[in-house]
Amino acid sequence: MSKSCADCAFFEDHKTNAAAATSEDAGLCRFNPPVSQPAASAHGLWPVVKTDDWCGHFEAE
């Protein structure tokens, strides 16, 4: 098994997410809380990552 985002427990495939990602091989990283929002009344944004990205927080599904 590779230690890439696609194999991580914190990766959410964009096809199952209500918000549309721009890339076919992209998804959301759910390890950390959402990042800064453009305005106080706006929702926070989850980081968009590619399936072959990786980080030091990898945890197998």
N, C-alpha and C. Protein backbone atom coordinates (compact mmCIF):
# COMPACT_ATOMS: atom_id res chain seq x y z
N MET A 1 0.84 -1.18 0.00
CA MET A 1 0.00 0.00 0.00
C MET A 1 0.88 1.24 0.00
N SER A 2 0.47 2.22 -0.80
CA SER A 2 1.20 3.49 -0.81
C SER A 2 0.67 4.37 0.32
N LYS A 3 1.49 5.29 0.76
CA LYS A 3 1.07 6.24 1.79
C LYS A 3 0.68 7.54 1.12
N SER A 4 -0.33 7.48 0.27
CA SER A 4 -0.82 8.67 -0.43
C SER A 4 -2.20 9.03 0.09
N CYS A 5 -2.65 10.21 -0.24
CA CYS A 5 -3.95 10.68 0.25
C CYS A 5 -5.09 9.73 -0.10
N ALA A 6 -5.05 9.11 -1.28
CA ALA A 6 -6.13 8.22 -1.69
C ALA A 6 -6.29 7.03 -0.74
N ASP A 7 -5.23 6.65 -0.04
CA ASP A 7 -5.27 5.50 0.86
C ASP A 7 -5.38 5.90 2.33
N CYS A 8 -5.59 7.18 2.58
CA CYS A 8 -5.62 7.71 3.94
C CYS A 8 -7.04 7.74 4.51
N ALA A 9 -7.17 7.47 5.80
CA ALA A 9 -8.45 7.49 6.48
C ALA A 9 -9.07 8.88 6.50
N PHE A 10 -8.27 9.93 6.34
CA PHE A 10 -8.76 11.31 6.41
C PHE A 10 -9.09 11.90 5.05
N PHE A 11 -8.96 11.11 3.98
CA PHE A 11 -9.23 11.59 2.62
C PHE A 11 -10.70 11.36 2.29
N GLU A 12 -11.37 12.40 1.78
CA GLU A 12 -12.75 12.27 1.32
C GLU A 12 -12.78 12.51 -0.19
N ASP A 13 -13.13 11.49 -0.93
CA ASP A 13 -13.19 11.59 -2.38
C ASP A 13 -14.20 12.67 -2.76
N HIS A 14 -13.86 13.51 -3.74
CA HIS A 14 -14.75 14.62 -4.10
C HIS A 14 -16.07 14.13 -4.68
N LYS A 15 -16.14 12.90 -5.18
CA LYS A 15 -17.39 12.39 -5.74
C LYS A 15 -18.44 12.17 -4.66
N THR A 16 -18.00 11.98 -3.41
CA THR A 16 -18.95 11.78 -2.32
C THR A 16 -19.20 13.07 -1.54
N ASN A 17 -18.54 14.13 -1.94
CA ASN A 17 -18.64 15.41 -1.25
C ASN A 17 -19.61 16.33 -2.00
N ALA A 18 -20.40 17.08 -1.28
CA ALA A 18 -21.38 17.98 -1.91
C ALA A 18 -20.71 19.12 -2.67
N ALA A 19 -19.57 19.58 -2.19
CA ALA A 19 -18.85 20.66 -2.89
C ALA A 19 -18.06 20.07 -4.05
N ALA A 20 -18.07 20.71 -5.17
CA ALA A 20 -17.39 20.19 -6.36
C ALA A 20 -15.91 20.55 -6.33
N ALA A 21 -15.09 19.57 -6.53
CA ALA A 21 -13.65 19.80 -6.68
C ALA A 21 -13.38 20.01 -8.16
N THR A 22 -12.29 20.62 -8.46
CA THR A 22 -12.01 20.96 -9.85
C THR A 22 -11.26 19.87 -10.60
N SER A 23 -10.68 18.93 -9.92
CA SER A 23 -9.88 17.90 -10.57
C SER A 23 -10.50 16.53 -10.35
N GLU A 24 -10.42 15.68 -11.37
CA GLU A 24 -10.97 14.33 -11.26
C GLU A 24 -10.27 13.49 -10.19
N ASP A 25 -9.01 13.77 -9.92
CA ASP A 25 -8.27 12.99 -8.93
C ASP A 25 -8.03 13.80 -7.65
N ALA A 26 -8.98 14.64 -7.28
CA ALA A 26 -8.85 15.46 -6.08
C ALA A 26 -9.89 15.07 -5.04
N GLY A 27 -9.62 15.45 -3.82
CA GLY A 27 -10.55 15.21 -2.73
C GLY A 27 -10.25 16.18 -1.61
N LEU A 28 -10.85 15.93 -0.46
CA LEU A 28 -10.67 16.82 0.68
C LEU A 28 -9.89 16.12 1.78
N CYS A 29 -8.98 16.85 2.42
CA CYS A 29 -8.24 16.34 3.57
C CYS A 29 -9.03 16.72 4.82
N ARG A 30 -9.42 15.72 5.58
CA ARG A 30 -10.21 15.97 6.79
C ARG A 30 -9.40 15.79 8.07
N PHE A 31 -8.07 15.82 7.96
CA PHE A 31 -7.25 15.65 9.15
C PHE A 31 -7.36 16.86 10.07
N ASN A 32 -7.16 18.04 9.53
CA ASN A 32 -7.23 19.28 10.30
C ASN A 32 -8.58 19.94 10.12
N PRO A 33 -8.94 20.89 10.97
CA PRO A 33 -10.20 21.61 10.79
C PRO A 33 -10.14 22.46 9.52
N PRO A 34 -11.28 22.93 9.05
CA PRO A 34 -11.29 23.78 7.84
C PRO A 34 -10.38 24.99 8.00
N VAL A 35 -9.83 25.44 6.89
CA VAL A 35 -8.94 26.60 6.90
C VAL A 35 -9.73 27.89 6.80
N SER A 36 -9.03 29.00 6.91
CA SER A 36 -9.67 30.32 7.00
C SER A 36 -10.75 30.53 5.96
N GLN A 37 -11.70 31.29 6.36
CA GLN A 37 -12.85 31.60 5.51
C GLN A 37 -12.74 33.02 5.00
N PRO A 38 -13.29 33.28 3.83
CA PRO A 38 -13.16 34.62 3.24
C PRO A 38 -13.90 35.72 4.01
N ALA A 39 -14.95 35.38 4.71
CA ALA A 39 -15.72 36.36 5.50
C ALA A 39 -16.28 35.66 6.73
N ALA A 40 -16.59 36.41 7.75
CA ALA A 40 -17.08 35.82 9.00
C ALA A 40 -18.36 35.01 8.80
N SER A 41 -19.17 35.38 7.82
CA SER A 41 -20.43 34.66 7.59
C SER A 41 -20.26 33.46 6.64
N ALA A 42 -19.06 33.27 6.09
CA ALA A 42 -18.81 32.18 5.14
C ALA A 42 -18.39 30.91 5.88
N HIS A 43 -18.53 29.79 5.20
CA HIS A 43 -18.11 28.51 5.76
C HIS A 43 -16.59 28.37 5.63
N GLY A 44 -15.98 27.60 6.55
CA GLY A 44 -14.57 27.28 6.42
C GLY A 44 -14.36 26.36 5.23
N LEU A 45 -13.13 26.27 4.76
CA LEU A 45 -12.82 25.48 3.57
C LEU A 45 -11.86 24.35 3.93
N TRP A 46 -12.20 23.12 3.51
CA TRP A 46 -11.31 21.99 3.72
C TRP A 46 -10.23 22.03 2.64
N PRO A 47 -8.99 21.68 2.98
CA PRO A 47 -7.93 21.66 1.97
C PRO A 47 -8.22 20.65 0.87
N VAL A 48 -8.07 21.06 -0.38
CA VAL A 48 -8.22 20.16 -1.52
C VAL A 48 -6.86 19.55 -1.80
N VAL A 49 -6.83 18.21 -1.88
CA VAL A 49 -5.58 17.49 -2.15
C VAL A 49 -5.81 16.54 -3.31
N LYS A 50 -4.73 16.16 -3.97
CA LYS A 50 -4.81 15.17 -5.05
C LYS A 50 -4.61 13.78 -4.45
N THR A 51 -5.12 12.77 -5.14
CA THR A 51 -5.04 11.40 -4.64
C THR A 51 -3.60 10.94 -4.42
N ASP A 52 -2.65 11.46 -5.20
CA ASP A 52 -1.26 11.02 -5.05
C ASP A 52 -0.43 11.96 -4.17
N ASP A 53 -1.07 12.94 -3.52
CA ASP A 53 -0.38 13.78 -2.55
C ASP A 53 -0.11 12.96 -1.30
N TRP A 54 0.67 13.50 -0.38
CA TRP A 54 0.96 12.81 0.88
C TRP A 54 1.36 13.85 1.93
N CYS A 55 1.32 13.45 3.18
CA CYS A 55 1.79 14.31 4.27
C CYS A 55 2.22 13.43 5.43
N GLY A 56 2.65 14.02 6.51
CA GLY A 56 3.11 13.26 7.66
C GLY A 56 2.00 12.76 8.57
N HIS A 57 0.74 13.03 8.23
CA HIS A 57 -0.37 12.60 9.07
C HIS A 57 -1.07 11.36 8.54
N PHE A 58 -0.46 10.68 7.56
CA PHE A 58 -1.10 9.53 6.94
C PHE A 58 -1.53 8.49 7.97
N GLU A 59 -2.76 8.01 7.80
CA GLU A 59 -3.27 6.89 8.60
C GLU A 59 -4.06 6.00 7.64
N ALA A 60 -3.71 4.75 7.57
CA ALA A 60 -4.38 3.82 6.65
C ALA A 60 -5.86 3.72 6.95
N GLU A 61 -6.66 3.53 5.88
CA GLU A 61 -8.10 3.39 6.06
C GLU A 61 -8.45 2.19 6.88
